[in-house]
Amino acid sequence: MGAAGFPREAVSVTRGSLTHYASSPGVRRGFCGRYGTALSYENQRWPSDIHLMVGAFDDPASLAPQFHIFAEAQLPWLHLADDLRHYRTTPSAGEVMGGSG
Protein backbone atom coordinates (compact mmCIF):
# COMPACT_ATOMS: atom_id res chain seq x y z
CA MET A 1 0.00 0.00 0.00
CA GLY A 2 1.36 3.42 -0.90
CA ALA A 3 1.83 6.07 1.75
CA ALA A 4 2.45 9.80 1.77
CA GLY A 5 4.62 11.39 4.44
CA PHE A 6 3.74 14.67 6.14
CA PRO A 7 5.00 16.72 9.09
CA ARG A 8 3.04 15.45 12.08
CA GLU A 9 1.93 18.95 13.10
CA ALA A 10 0.34 19.46 9.66
CA VAL A 11 -2.06 16.52 10.08
CA SER A 12 -5.34 16.48 11.96
CA VAL A 13 -8.30 14.11 11.99
CA THR A 14 -11.56 15.94 11.36
CA ARG A 15 -14.02 13.04 11.31
CA GLY A 16 -13.90 10.21 13.79
CA SER A 17 -10.60 9.30 15.40
CA LEU A 18 -7.64 7.01 14.93
CA THR A 19 -7.14 3.93 17.04
CA HIS A 20 -3.47 3.02 17.46
CA TYR A 21 -1.49 -0.10 18.15
CA ALA A 22 2.23 -0.79 18.51
CA SER A 23 2.98 -3.16 15.65
CA SER A 24 6.69 -3.51 16.49
CA PRO A 25 9.23 -1.72 18.71
CA GLY A 26 9.11 2.00 17.94
CA VAL A 27 6.30 1.69 15.39
CA ARG A 28 2.72 2.81 15.88
CA ARG A 29 0.00 2.20 13.31
CA GLY A 30 -3.31 4.02 13.18
CA PHE A 31 -6.54 2.60 11.87
CA CYS A 32 -10.24 3.35 11.81
CA GLY A 33 -11.63 2.07 15.11
CA ARG A 34 -15.00 1.38 13.49
CA TYR A 35 -14.02 -0.38 10.25
CA GLY A 36 -10.39 -1.37 10.82
CA THR A 37 -9.03 0.40 7.74
CA ALA A 38 -5.27 1.08 7.90
CA LEU A 39 -4.75 4.87 7.93
CA SER A 40 -1.35 5.84 9.35
CA TYR A 41 2.19 4.76 10.15
CA GLU A 42 4.50 6.41 12.69
CA ASN A 43 8.07 5.41 13.53
CA GLN A 44 10.27 6.70 16.36
CA ARG A 45 13.13 6.90 13.81
CA TRP A 46 11.26 9.85 12.22
CA PRO A 47 9.50 11.46 15.20
CA SER A 48 8.31 14.57 13.35
CA ASP A 49 6.68 12.61 10.48
CA ILE A 50 3.46 10.71 9.97
CA HIS A 51 2.73 8.59 6.93
CA LEU A 52 -0.85 8.34 5.71
CA MET A 53 -2.14 5.56 3.48
CA VAL A 54 -2.80 7.02 0.02
CA GLY A 55 -5.95 4.94 -0.46
CA ALA A 56 -7.61 6.80 2.41
CA PHE A 57 -7.57 10.13 0.56
CA ASP A 58 -10.62 11.40 -1.34
CA ASP A 59 -8.41 12.17 -4.36
CA PRO A 60 -5.31 9.94 -4.15
CA ALA A 61 -4.33 10.75 -7.75
CA SER A 62 -3.59 14.33 -6.64
CA LEU A 63 -0.62 13.11 -4.55
CA ALA A 64 2.26 12.90 -7.02
CA PRO A 65 5.10 10.69 -5.75
CA GLN A 66 8.52 12.23 -5.20
CA PHE A 67 10.60 9.05 -4.77
CA HIS A 68 10.39 5.32 -4.00
CA ILE A 69 11.53 3.77 -0.73
CA PHE A 70 12.66 0.24 0.17
CA ALA A 71 13.55 -0.42 -3.48
CA GLU A 72 15.81 -3.25 -2.30
CA ALA A 73 12.66 -5.19 -1.30
CA GLN A 74 10.88 -4.57 -4.62
CA LEU A 75 9.31 -7.70 -6.08
CA PRO A 76 11.14 -8.88 -9.21
CA TRP A 77 8.03 -8.61 -11.38
CA LEU A 78 7.36 -4.97 -10.45
CA HIS A 79 8.75 -2.49 -12.99
CA LEU A 80 8.21 1.18 -12.23
CA ALA A 81 8.11 3.31 -15.38
CA ASP A 82 9.28 6.64 -14.00
CA ASP A 83 12.53 8.46 -13.36
CA LEU A 84 11.95 8.98 -9.64
CA ARG A 85 14.82 8.29 -7.29
CA HIS A 86 14.80 4.79 -5.76
CA TYR A 87 16.21 4.55 -2.25
CA ARG A 88 17.53 1.20 -1.05
CA THR A 89 15.69 1.82 2.23
CA THR A 90 14.82 5.43 3.12
CA PRO A 91 15.97 8.89 2.00
CA SER A 92 17.58 9.52 5.41
CA ALA A 93 19.81 6.46 4.87
CA GLY A 94 20.91 8.04 1.59
CA GLU A 95 21.52 4.88 -0.46
CA VAL A 96 20.20 5.51 -3.98
CA MET A 97 19.70 2.49 -6.26
CA GLY A 98 18.38 4.21 -9.34
CA GLY A 99 16.30 6.96 -10.87
CA SER A 100 17.33 10.53 -11.40
CA GLY A 101 14.61 12.36 -9.45
PDB file of N, CA and C in Angstrom:
ATOM      1  N   MET A   1       0.841  -1.173   0.000  1.00  0.00           N
ATOM      2  CA  MET A   1       0.000   0.000   0.000  1.00  0.00           C
ATOM      3  C   MET A   1       0.886   1.236   0.000  1.00  0.00           C
ATOM      4  N   GLY A   2       0.595   2.186  -0.831  1.00  0.00           N
ATOM      5  CA  GLY A   2       1.360   3.420  -0.897  1.00  0.00           C
ATOM      6  C   GLY A   2       1.028   4.343   0.257  1.00  0.00           C
ATOM      7  N   ALA A   3       2.016   5.112   0.668  1.00  0.00           N
ATOM      8  CA  ALA A   3       1.826   6.070   1.751  1.00  0.00           C
ATOM      9  C   ALA A   3       2.440   7.403   1.362  1.00  0.00           C
ATOM     10  N   ALA A   4       1.930   8.451   1.970  1.00  0.00           N
ATOM     11  CA  ALA A   4       2.448   9.802   1.767  1.00  0.00           C
ATOM     12  C   ALA A   4       2.875  10.344   3.120  1.00  0.00           C
ATOM     13  N   GLY A   5       4.100  10.871   3.188  1.00  0.00           N
ATOM     14  CA  GLY A   5       4.623  11.391   4.438  1.00  0.00           C
ATOM     15  C   GLY A   5       4.345  12.885   4.597  1.00  0.00           C
ATOM     16  N   PHE A   6       4.046  13.281   5.817  1.00  0.00           N
ATOM     17  CA  PHE A   6       3.736  14.669   6.143  1.00  0.00           C
ATOM     18  C   PHE A   6       4.352  15.024   7.488  1.00  0.00           C
ATOM     19  N   PRO A   7       4.622  16.313   7.727  1.00  0.00           N
ATOM     20  CA  PRO A   7       5.004  16.722   9.086  1.00  0.00           C
ATOM     21  C   PRO A   7       3.823  16.436  10.025  1.00  0.00           C
ATOM     22  N   ARG A   8       4.105  15.849  11.147  1.00  0.00           N
ATOM     23  CA  ARG A   8       3.044  15.446  12.079  1.00  0.00           C
ATOM     24  C   ARG A   8       2.144  16.619  12.467  1.00  0.00           C
ATOM     25  N   GLU A   9       2.736  17.806  12.671  1.00  0.00           N
ATOM     26  CA  GLU A   9       1.930  18.951  13.101  1.00  0.00           C
ATOM     27  C   GLU A   9       1.007  19.465  12.007  1.00  0.00           C
ATOM     28  N   ALA A  10       1.196  19.024  10.764  1.00  0.00           N
ATOM     29  CA  ALA A  10       0.342  19.464   9.658  1.00  0.00           C
ATOM     30  C   ALA A  10      -0.882  18.570   9.472  1.00  0.00           C
ATOM     31  N   VAL A  11      -0.990  17.506  10.259  1.00  0.00           N
ATOM     32  CA  VAL A  11      -2.062  16.524  10.079  1.00  0.00           C
ATOM     33  C   VAL A  11      -3.029  16.562  11.254  1.00  0.00           C
ATOM     34  N   SER A  12      -4.321  16.591  10.926  1.00  0.00           N
ATOM     35  CA  SER A  12      -5.345  16.478  11.959  1.00  0.00           C
ATOM     36  C   SER A  12      -6.474  15.603  11.432  1.00  0.00           C
ATOM     37  N   VAL A  13      -7.144  14.947  12.328  1.00  0.00           N
ATOM     38  CA  VAL A  13      -8.295  14.105  11.986  1.00  0.00           C
ATOM     39  C   VAL A  13      -9.541  14.924  12.248  1.00  0.00           C
ATOM     40  N   THR A  14     -10.378  15.097  11.213  1.00  0.00           N
ATOM     41  CA  THR A  14     -11.559  15.941  11.362  1.00  0.00           C
ATOM     42  C   THR A  14     -12.855  15.163  11.499  1.00  0.00           C
ATOM     43  N   ARG A  15     -12.835  13.880  11.142  1.00  0.00           N
ATOM     44  CA  ARG A  15     -14.020  13.036  11.311  1.00  0.00           C
ATOM     45  C   ARG A  15     -13.605  11.754  11.993  1.00  0.00           C
ATOM     46  N   GLY A  16     -14.251  11.418  13.069  1.00  0.00           N
ATOM     47  CA  GLY A  16     -13.896  10.207  13.790  1.00  0.00           C
ATOM     48  C   GLY A  16     -12.559  10.371  14.488  1.00  0.00           C
ATOM     49  N   SER A  17     -11.907   9.261  14.748  1.00  0.00           N
ATOM     50  CA  SER A  17     -10.603   9.296  15.402  1.00  0.00           C
ATOM     51  C   SER A  17      -9.810   8.058  15.007  1.00  0.00           C
ATOM     52  N   LEU A  18      -8.512   8.147  15.199  1.00  0.00           N
ATOM     53  CA  LEU A  18      -7.640   7.013  14.928  1.00  0.00           C
ATOM     54  C   LEU A  18      -7.503   6.160  16.178  1.00  0.00           C
ATOM     55  N   THR A  19      -7.485   4.865  15.991  1.00  0.00           N
ATOM     56  CA  THR A  19      -7.142   3.929  17.043  1.00  0.00           C
ATOM     57  C   THR A  19      -5.734   3.451  16.721  1.00  0.00           C
ATOM     58  N   HIS A  20      -4.870   3.375  17.714  1.00  0.00           N
ATOM     59  CA  HIS A  20      -3.474   3.023  17.465  1.00  0.00           C
ATOM     60  C   HIS A  20      -3.112   1.692  18.107  1.00  0.00           C
ATOM     61  N   TYR A  21      -2.096   1.051  17.510  1.00  0.00           N
ATOM     62  CA  TYR A  21      -1.488  -0.099  18.151  1.00  0.00           C
ATOM     63  C   TYR A  21      -0.004  -0.121  17.812  1.00  0.00           C
ATOM     64  N   ALA A  22       0.780  -0.667  18.721  1.00  0.00           N
ATOM     65  CA  ALA A  22       2.226  -0.794  18.512  1.00  0.00           C
ATOM     66  C   ALA A  22       2.464  -2.087  17.756  1.00  0.00           C
ATOM     67  N   SER A  23       2.823  -1.968  16.477  1.00  0.00           N
ATOM     68  CA  SER A  23       2.979  -3.159  15.647  1.00  0.00           C
ATOM     69  C   SER A  23       4.352  -3.791  15.804  1.00  0.00           C
ATOM     70  N   SER A  24       5.330  -3.023  16.222  1.00  0.00           N
ATOM     71  CA  SER A  24       6.685  -3.509  16.486  1.00  0.00           C
ATOM     72  C   SER A  24       7.388  -2.438  17.315  1.00  0.00           C
ATOM     73  N   PRO A  25       8.555  -2.728  17.869  1.00  0.00           N
ATOM     74  CA  PRO A  25       9.225  -1.719  18.706  1.00  0.00           C
ATOM     75  C   PRO A  25       9.438  -0.402  17.951  1.00  0.00           C
ATOM     76  N   GLY A  26       8.942   0.679  18.523  1.00  0.00           N
ATOM     77  CA  GLY A  26       9.113   2.000  17.939  1.00  0.00           C
ATOM     78  C   GLY A  26       8.153   2.354  16.829  1.00  0.00           C
ATOM     79  N   VAL A  27       7.245   1.452  16.495  1.00  0.00           N
ATOM     80  CA  VAL A  27       6.301   1.689  15.387  1.00  0.00           C
ATOM     81  C   VAL A  27       4.873   1.686  15.919  1.00  0.00           C
ATOM     82  N   ARG A  28       4.133   2.699  15.503  1.00  0.00           N
ATOM     83  CA  ARG A  28       2.720   2.815  15.876  1.00  0.00           C
ATOM     84  C   ARG A  28       1.912   2.955  14.603  1.00  0.00           C
ATOM     85  N   ARG A  29       0.874   2.154  14.476  1.00  0.00           N
ATOM     86  CA  ARG A  29       0.002   2.204  13.307  1.00  0.00           C
ATOM     87  C   ARG A  29      -1.377   2.672  13.735  1.00  0.00           C
ATOM     88  N   GLY A  30      -1.983   3.508  12.891  1.00  0.00           N
ATOM     89  CA  GLY A  30      -3.311   4.021  13.177  1.00  0.00           C
ATOM     90  C   GLY A  30      -4.309   3.419  12.208  1.00  0.00           C
ATOM     91  N   PHE A  31      -5.494   3.164  12.708  1.00  0.00           N
ATOM     92  CA  PHE A  31      -6.545   2.602  11.867  1.00  0.00           C
ATOM     93  C   PHE A  31      -7.891   3.113  12.335  1.00  0.00           C
ATOM     94  N   CYS A  32      -8.881   2.963  11.471  1.00  0.00           N
ATOM     95  CA  CYS A  32     -10.245   3.353  11.815  1.00  0.00           C
ATOM     96  C   CYS A  32     -10.765   2.379  12.864  1.00  0.00           C
ATOM     97  N   GLY A  33     -11.129   2.912  14.031  1.00  0.00           N
ATOM     98  CA  GLY A  33     -11.630   2.069  15.108  1.00  0.00           C
ATOM     99  C   GLY A  33     -12.956   1.410  14.794  1.00  0.00           C
ATOM    100  N   ARG A  34     -13.688   1.946  13.847  1.00  0.00           N
ATOM    101  CA  ARG A  34     -14.999   1.385  13.491  1.00  0.00           C
ATOM    102  C   ARG A  34     -14.886   0.302  12.418  1.00  0.00           C
ATOM    103  N   TYR A  35     -14.089   0.546  11.376  1.00  0.00           N
ATOM    104  CA  TYR A  35     -14.021  -0.379  10.247  1.00  0.00           C
ATOM    105  C   TYR A  35     -12.700  -1.128  10.124  1.00  0.00           C
ATOM    106  N   GLY A  36     -11.673  -0.687  10.842  1.00  0.00           N
ATOM    107  CA  GLY A  36     -10.390  -1.373  10.821  1.00  0.00           C
ATOM    108  C   GLY A  36      -9.479  -1.014   9.661  1.00  0.00           C
ATOM    109  N   THR A  37      -9.830  -0.012   8.878  1.00  0.00           N
ATOM    110  CA  THR A  37      -9.029   0.396   7.736  1.00  0.00           C
ATOM    111  C   THR A  37      -7.700   0.989   8.192  1.00  0.00           C
ATOM    112  N   ALA A  38      -6.591   0.523   7.591  1.00  0.00           N
ATOM    113  CA  ALA A  38      -5.270   1.078   7.898  1.00  0.00           C
ATOM    114  C   ALA A  38      -5.216   2.521   7.414  1.00  0.00           C
ATOM    115  N   LEU A  39      -4.775   3.449   8.282  1.00  0.00           N
ATOM    116  CA  LEU A  39      -4.752   4.868   7.928  1.00  0.00           C
ATOM    117  C   LEU A  39      -3.397   5.536   8.107  1.00  0.00           C
ATOM    118  N   SER A  40      -2.602   5.123   9.099  1.00  0.00           N
ATOM    119  CA  SER A  40      -1.350   5.842   9.345  1.00  0.00           C
ATOM    120  C   SER A  40      -0.244   4.921   9.833  1.00  0.00           C
ATOM    121  N   TYR A  41       0.981   5.448   9.704  1.00  0.00           N
ATOM    122  CA  TYR A  41       2.189   4.758  10.151  1.00  0.00           C
ATOM    123  C   TYR A  41       3.092   5.805  10.790  1.00  0.00           C
ATOM    124  N   GLU A  42       3.580   5.525  11.993  1.00  0.00           N
ATOM    125  CA  GLU A  42       4.503   6.414  12.689  1.00  0.00           C
ATOM    126  C   GLU A  42       5.669   5.579  13.213  1.00  0.00           C
ATOM    127  N   ASN A  43       6.879   6.133  13.104  1.00  0.00           N
ATOM    128  CA  ASN A  43       8.068   5.415  13.530  1.00  0.00           C
ATOM    129  C   ASN A  43       8.928   6.349  14.365  1.00  0.00           C
ATOM    130  N   GLN A  44       9.438   5.879  15.487  1.00  0.00           N
ATOM    131  CA  GLN A  44      10.274   6.704  16.355  1.00  0.00           C
ATOM    132  C   GLN A  44      11.541   7.167  15.649  1.00  0.00           C
ATOM    133  N   ARG A  45      11.939   6.482  14.568  1.00  0.00           N
ATOM    134  CA  ARG A  45      13.127   6.903  13.815  1.00  0.00           C
ATOM    135  C   ARG A  45      12.899   8.249  13.134  1.00  0.00           C
ATOM    136  N   TRP A  46      11.635   8.587  12.854  1.00  0.00           N
ATOM    137  CA  TRP A  46      11.264   9.852  12.222  1.00  0.00           C
ATOM    138  C   TRP A  46      10.172  10.501  13.067  1.00  0.00           C
ATOM    139  N   PRO A  47      10.514  11.010  14.243  1.00  0.00           N
ATOM    140  CA  PRO A  47       9.501  11.463  15.198  1.00  0.00           C
ATOM    141  C   PRO A  47       8.653  12.643  14.743  1.00  0.00           C
ATOM    142  N   SER A  48       9.102  13.418  13.784  1.00  0.00           N
ATOM    143  CA  SER A  48       8.307  14.572  13.352  1.00  0.00           C
ATOM    144  C   SER A  48       7.427  14.258  12.142  1.00  0.00           C
ATOM    145  N   ASP A  49       7.448  13.001  11.668  1.00  0.00           N
ATOM    146  CA  ASP A  49       6.682  12.614  10.478  1.00  0.00           C
ATOM    147  C   ASP A  49       5.533  11.669  10.806  1.00  0.00           C
ATOM    148  N   ILE A  50       4.530  11.706   9.962  1.00  0.00           N
ATOM    149  CA  ILE A  50       3.458  10.714   9.973  1.00  0.00           C
ATOM    150  C   ILE A  50       3.210  10.337   8.522  1.00  0.00           C
ATOM    151  N   HIS A  51       2.989   9.069   8.278  1.00  0.00           N
ATOM    152  CA  HIS A  51       2.730   8.585   6.928  1.00  0.00           C
ATOM    153  C   HIS A  51       1.271   8.126   6.860  1.00  0.00           C
ATOM    154  N   LEU A  52       0.567   8.650   5.876  1.00  0.00           N
ATOM    155  CA  LEU A  52      -0.853   8.339   5.706  1.00  0.00           C
ATOM    156  C   LEU A  52      -1.040   7.466   4.474  1.00  0.00           C
ATOM    157  N   MET A  53      -1.889   6.470   4.579  1.00  0.00           N
ATOM    158  CA  MET A  53      -2.141   5.559   3.475  1.00  0.00           C
ATOM    159  C   MET A  53      -2.857   6.308   2.349  1.00  0.00           C
ATOM    160  N   VAL A  54      -2.281   6.261   1.162  1.00  0.00           N
ATOM    161  CA  VAL A  54      -2.800   7.021   0.024  1.00  0.00           C
ATOM    162  C   VAL A  54      -4.243   6.641  -0.304  1.00  0.00           C
ATOM    163  N   GLY A  55      -4.593   5.391  -0.154  1.00  0.00           N
ATOM    164  CA  GLY A  55      -5.948   4.939  -0.463  1.00  0.00           C
ATOM    165  C   GLY A  55      -7.023   5.548   0.414  1.00  0.00           C
ATOM    166  N   ALA A  56      -6.642   6.178   1.512  1.00  0.00           N
ATOM    167  CA  ALA A  56      -7.610   6.798   2.413  1.00  0.00           C
ATOM    168  C   ALA A  56      -7.997   8.209   1.986  1.00  0.00           C
ATOM    169  N   PHE A  57      -7.283   8.775   1.010  1.00  0.00           N
ATOM    170  CA  PHE A  57      -7.572  10.134   0.562  1.00  0.00           C
ATOM    171  C   PHE A  57      -8.749  10.157  -0.413  1.00  0.00           C
ATOM    172  N   ASP A  58      -9.508  11.246  -0.395  1.00  0.00           N
ATOM    173  CA  ASP A  58     -10.622  11.403  -1.335  1.00  0.00           C
ATOM    174  C   ASP A  58     -10.131  11.440  -2.773  1.00  0.00           C
ATOM    175  N   ASP A  59      -8.956  12.033  -3.009  1.00  0.00           N
ATOM    176  CA  ASP A  59      -8.412  12.165  -4.357  1.00  0.00           C
ATOM    177  C   ASP A  59      -6.949  11.712  -4.357  1.00  0.00           C
ATOM    178  N   PRO A  60      -6.697  10.402  -4.244  1.00  0.00           N
ATOM    179  CA  PRO A  60      -5.313   9.939  -4.148  1.00  0.00           C
ATOM    180  C   PRO A  60      -4.468  10.262  -5.380  1.00  0.00           C
ATOM    181  N   ALA A  61      -5.081  10.431  -6.540  1.00  0.00           N
ATOM    182  CA  ALA A  61      -4.326  10.755  -7.750  1.00  0.00           C
ATOM    183  C   ALA A  61      -3.684  12.136  -7.673  1.00  0.00           C
ATOM    184  N   SER A  62      -4.160  12.985  -6.769  1.00  0.00           N
ATOM    185  CA  SER A  62      -3.593  14.326  -6.641  1.00  0.00           C
ATOM    186  C   SER A  62      -2.255  14.327  -5.903  1.00  0.00           C
ATOM    187  N   LEU A  63      -1.881  13.206  -5.294  1.00  0.00           N
ATOM    188  CA  LEU A  63      -0.619  13.106  -4.550  1.00  0.00           C
ATOM    189  C   LEU A  63       0.452  12.514  -5.466  1.00  0.00           C
ATOM    190  N   ALA A  64       1.203  13.367  -6.114  1.00  0.00           N
ATOM    191  CA  ALA A  64       2.258  12.902  -7.018  1.00  0.00           C
ATOM    192  C   ALA A  64       3.451  12.403  -6.204  1.00  0.00           C
ATOM    193  N   PRO A  65       3.948  11.206  -6.495  1.00  0.00           N
ATOM    194  CA  PRO A  65       5.097  10.692  -5.749  1.00  0.00           C
ATOM    195  C   PRO A  65       6.355  11.490  -6.041  1.00  0.00           C
ATOM    196  N   GLN A  66       7.255  11.527  -5.053  1.00  0.00           N
ATOM    197  CA  GLN A  66       8.524  12.234  -5.199  1.00  0.00           C
ATOM    198  C   GLN A  66       9.698  11.277  -5.284  1.00  0.00           C
ATOM    199  N   PHE A  67       9.555  10.063  -4.741  1.00  0.00           N
ATOM    200  CA  PHE A  67      10.605   9.048  -4.772  1.00  0.00           C
ATOM    201  C   PHE A  67      10.002   7.718  -4.325  1.00  0.00           C
ATOM    202  N   HIS A  68      10.796   6.653  -4.446  1.00  0.00           N
ATOM    203  CA  HIS A  68      10.386   5.320  -4.001  1.00  0.00           C
ATOM    204  C   HIS A  68      11.305   4.894  -2.858  1.00  0.00           C
ATOM    205  N   ILE A  69      10.729   4.250  -1.849  1.00  0.00           N
ATOM    206  CA  ILE A  69      11.528   3.768  -0.726  1.00  0.00           C
ATOM    207  C   ILE A  69      11.511   2.241  -0.692  1.00  0.00           C
ATOM    208  N   PHE A  70      12.485   1.687   0.010  1.00  0.00           N
ATOM    209  CA  PHE A  70      12.659   0.244   0.169  1.00  0.00           C
ATOM    210  C   PHE A  70      12.708  -0.472  -1.186  1.00  0.00           C
ATOM    211  N   ALA A  71      13.417   0.152  -2.145  1.00  0.00           N
ATOM    212  CA  ALA A  71      13.550  -0.423  -3.479  1.00  0.00           C
ATOM    213  C   ALA A  71      14.264  -1.769  -3.437  1.00  0.00           C
ATOM    214  N   GLU A  72      15.093  -1.978  -2.439  1.00  0.00           N
ATOM    215  CA  GLU A  72      15.806  -3.247  -2.298  1.00  0.00           C
ATOM    216  C   GLU A  72      14.826  -4.414  -2.131  1.00  0.00           C
ATOM    217  N   ALA A  73      13.664  -4.148  -1.546  1.00  0.00           N
ATOM    218  CA  ALA A  73      12.665  -5.188  -1.298  1.00  0.00           C
ATOM    219  C   ALA A  73      11.633  -5.301  -2.426  1.00  0.00           C
ATOM    220  N   GLN A  74      11.836  -4.561  -3.501  1.00  0.00           N
ATOM    221  CA  GLN A  74      10.885  -4.572  -4.619  1.00  0.00           C
ATOM    222  C   GLN A  74      10.751  -5.979  -5.202  1.00  0.00           C
ATOM    223  N   LEU A  75       9.540  -6.393  -5.472  1.00  0.00           N
ATOM    224  CA  LEU A  75       9.308  -7.697  -6.082  1.00  0.00           C
ATOM    225  C   LEU A  75       9.895  -7.722  -7.490  1.00  0.00           C
ATOM    226  N   PRO A  76      10.460  -8.835  -7.912  1.00  0.00           N
ATOM    227  CA  PRO A  76      11.141  -8.875  -9.210  1.00  0.00           C
ATOM    228  C   PRO A  76      10.229  -8.627 -10.404  1.00  0.00           C
ATOM    229  N   TRP A  77       8.942  -8.815 -10.259  1.00  0.00           N
ATOM    230  CA  TRP A  77       8.029  -8.606 -11.381  1.00  0.00           C
ATOM    231  C   TRP A  77       7.475  -7.191 -11.443  1.00  0.00           C
ATOM    232  N   LEU A  78       7.834  -6.351 -10.469  1.00  0.00           N
ATOM    233  CA  LEU A  78       7.360  -4.971 -10.452  1.00  0.00           C
ATOM    234  C   LEU A  78       8.357  -4.077 -11.184  1.00  0.00           C
ATOM    235  N   HIS A  79       7.895  -3.393 -12.212  1.00  0.00           N
ATOM    236  CA  HIS A  79       8.746  -2.493 -12.991  1.00  0.00           C
ATOM    237  C   HIS A  79       8.100  -1.112 -13.001  1.00  0.00           C
ATOM    238  N   LEU A  80       8.737  -0.166 -12.335  1.00  0.00           N
ATOM    239  CA  LEU A  80       8.209   1.183 -12.230  1.00  0.00           C
ATOM    240  C   LEU A  80       8.706   2.004 -13.419  1.00  0.00           C
ATOM    241  N   ALA A  81       7.780   2.570 -14.153  1.00  0.00           N
ATOM    242  CA  ALA A  81       8.107   3.305 -15.380  1.00  0.00           C
ATOM    243  C   ALA A  81       8.154   4.804 -15.111  1.00  0.00           C
ATOM    244  N   ASP A  82       9.076   5.215 -14.257  1.00  0.00           N
ATOM    245  CA  ASP A  82       9.276   6.643 -14.004  1.00  0.00           C
ATOM    246  C   ASP A  82      10.754   6.874 -13.721  1.00  0.00           C
ATOM    247  N   ASP A  83      11.134   8.114 -13.631  1.00  0.00           N
ATOM    248  CA  ASP A  83      12.529   8.465 -13.361  1.00  0.00           C
ATOM    249  C   ASP A  83      12.745   8.900 -11.922  1.00  0.00           C
ATOM    250  N   LEU A  84      11.808   8.575 -11.042  1.00  0.00           N
ATOM    251  CA  LEU A  84      11.946   8.978  -9.643  1.00  0.00           C
ATOM    252  C   LEU A  84      13.113   8.241  -8.993  1.00  0.00           C
ATOM    253  N   ARG A  85      13.720   8.891  -8.025  1.00  0.00           N
ATOM    254  CA  ARG A  85      14.824   8.286  -7.291  1.00  0.00           C
ATOM    255  C   ARG A  85      14.312   7.078  -6.509  1.00  0.00           C
ATOM    256  N   HIS A  86      15.106   6.008  -6.506  1.00  0.00           N
ATOM    257  CA  HIS A  86      14.797   4.787  -5.765  1.00  0.00           C
ATOM    258  C   HIS A  86      15.814   4.640  -4.640  1.00  0.00           C
ATOM    259  N   TYR A  87      15.336   4.711  -3.402  1.00  0.00           N
ATOM    260  CA  TYR A  87      16.208   4.550  -2.250  1.00  0.00           C
ATOM    261  C   TYR A  87      16.215   3.091  -1.809  1.00  0.00           C
ATOM    262  N   ARG A  88      17.408   2.601  -1.504  1.00  0.00           N
ATOM    263  CA  ARG A  88      17.532   1.204  -1.047  1.00  0.00           C
ATOM    264  C   ARG A  88      16.593   0.978   0.139  1.00  0.00           C
ATOM    265  N   THR A  89      16.602   1.904   1.092  1.00  0.00           N
ATOM    266  CA  THR A  89      15.686   1.819   2.234  1.00  0.00           C
ATOM    267  C   THR A  89      14.906   3.129   2.327  1.00  0.00           C
ATOM    268  N   THR A  90      15.502   4.147   2.948  1.00  0.00           N
ATOM    269  CA  THR A  90      14.819   5.430   3.119  1.00  0.00           C
ATOM    270  C   THR A  90      15.721   6.578   2.674  1.00  0.00           C
ATOM    271  N   PRO A  91      15.147   7.742   2.387  1.00  0.00           N
ATOM    272  CA  PRO A  91      15.974   8.890   2.004  1.00  0.00           C
ATOM    273  C   PRO A  91      17.000   9.264   3.083  1.00  0.00           C
ATOM    274  N   SER A  92      16.642   9.141   4.345  1.00  0.00           N
ATOM    275  CA  SER A  92      17.580   9.519   5.408  1.00  0.00           C
ATOM    276  C   SER A  92      18.802   8.598   5.445  1.00  0.00           C
ATOM    277  N   ALA A  93      18.659   7.373   4.956  1.00  0.00           N
ATOM    278  CA  ALA A  93      19.809   6.459   4.873  1.00  0.00           C
ATOM    279  C   ALA A  93      20.706   6.834   3.698  1.00  0.00           C
ATOM    280  N   GLY A  94      20.131   7.489   2.683  1.00  0.00           N
ATOM    281  CA  GLY A  94      20.908   8.043   1.591  1.00  0.00           C
ATOM    282  C   GLY A  94      21.373   7.105   0.500  1.00  0.00           C
ATOM    283  N   GLU A  95      21.046   5.832   0.553  1.00  0.00           N
ATOM    284  CA  GLU A  95      21.522   4.885  -0.458  1.00  0.00           C
ATOM    285  C   GLU A  95      20.573   4.862  -1.650  1.00  0.00           C
ATOM    286  N   VAL A  96      21.008   5.438  -2.765  1.00  0.00           N
ATOM    287  CA  VAL A  96      20.201   5.505  -3.979  1.00  0.00           C
ATOM    288  C   VAL A  96      20.546   4.319  -4.869  1.00  0.00           C
ATOM    289  N   MET A  97      19.513   3.634  -5.373  1.00  0.00           N
ATOM    290  CA  MET A  97      19.701   2.490  -6.256  1.00  0.00           C
ATOM    291  C   MET A  97      19.445   2.843  -7.722  1.00  0.00           C
ATOM    292  N   GLY A  98      18.706   3.865  -7.971  1.00  0.00           N
ATOM    293  CA  GLY A  98      18.385   4.213  -9.341  1.00  0.00           C
ATOM    294  C   GLY A  98      17.493   5.419  -9.411  1.00  0.00           C
ATOM    295  N   GLY A  99      17.137   5.797 -10.631  1.00  0.00           N
ATOM    296  CA  GLY A  99      16.303   6.963 -10.865  1.00  0.00           C
ATOM    297  C   GLY A  99      17.131   8.235 -10.815  1.00  0.00           C
ATOM    298  N   SER A 100      16.585   9.276 -11.350  1.00  0.00           N
ATOM    299  CA  SER A 100      17.329  10.528 -11.396  1.00  0.00           C
ATOM    300  C   SER A 100      16.658  11.644 -10.620  1.00  0.00           C
ATOM    301  N   GLY A 101      15.416  11.345 -10.119  1.00  0.00           N
ATOM    302  CA  GLY A 101      14.614  12.357  -9.450  1.00  0.00           C
ATOM    303  C   GLY A 101      15.309  13.043  -8.378  1.00  0.00           C
TER     304      GLY A 101
END
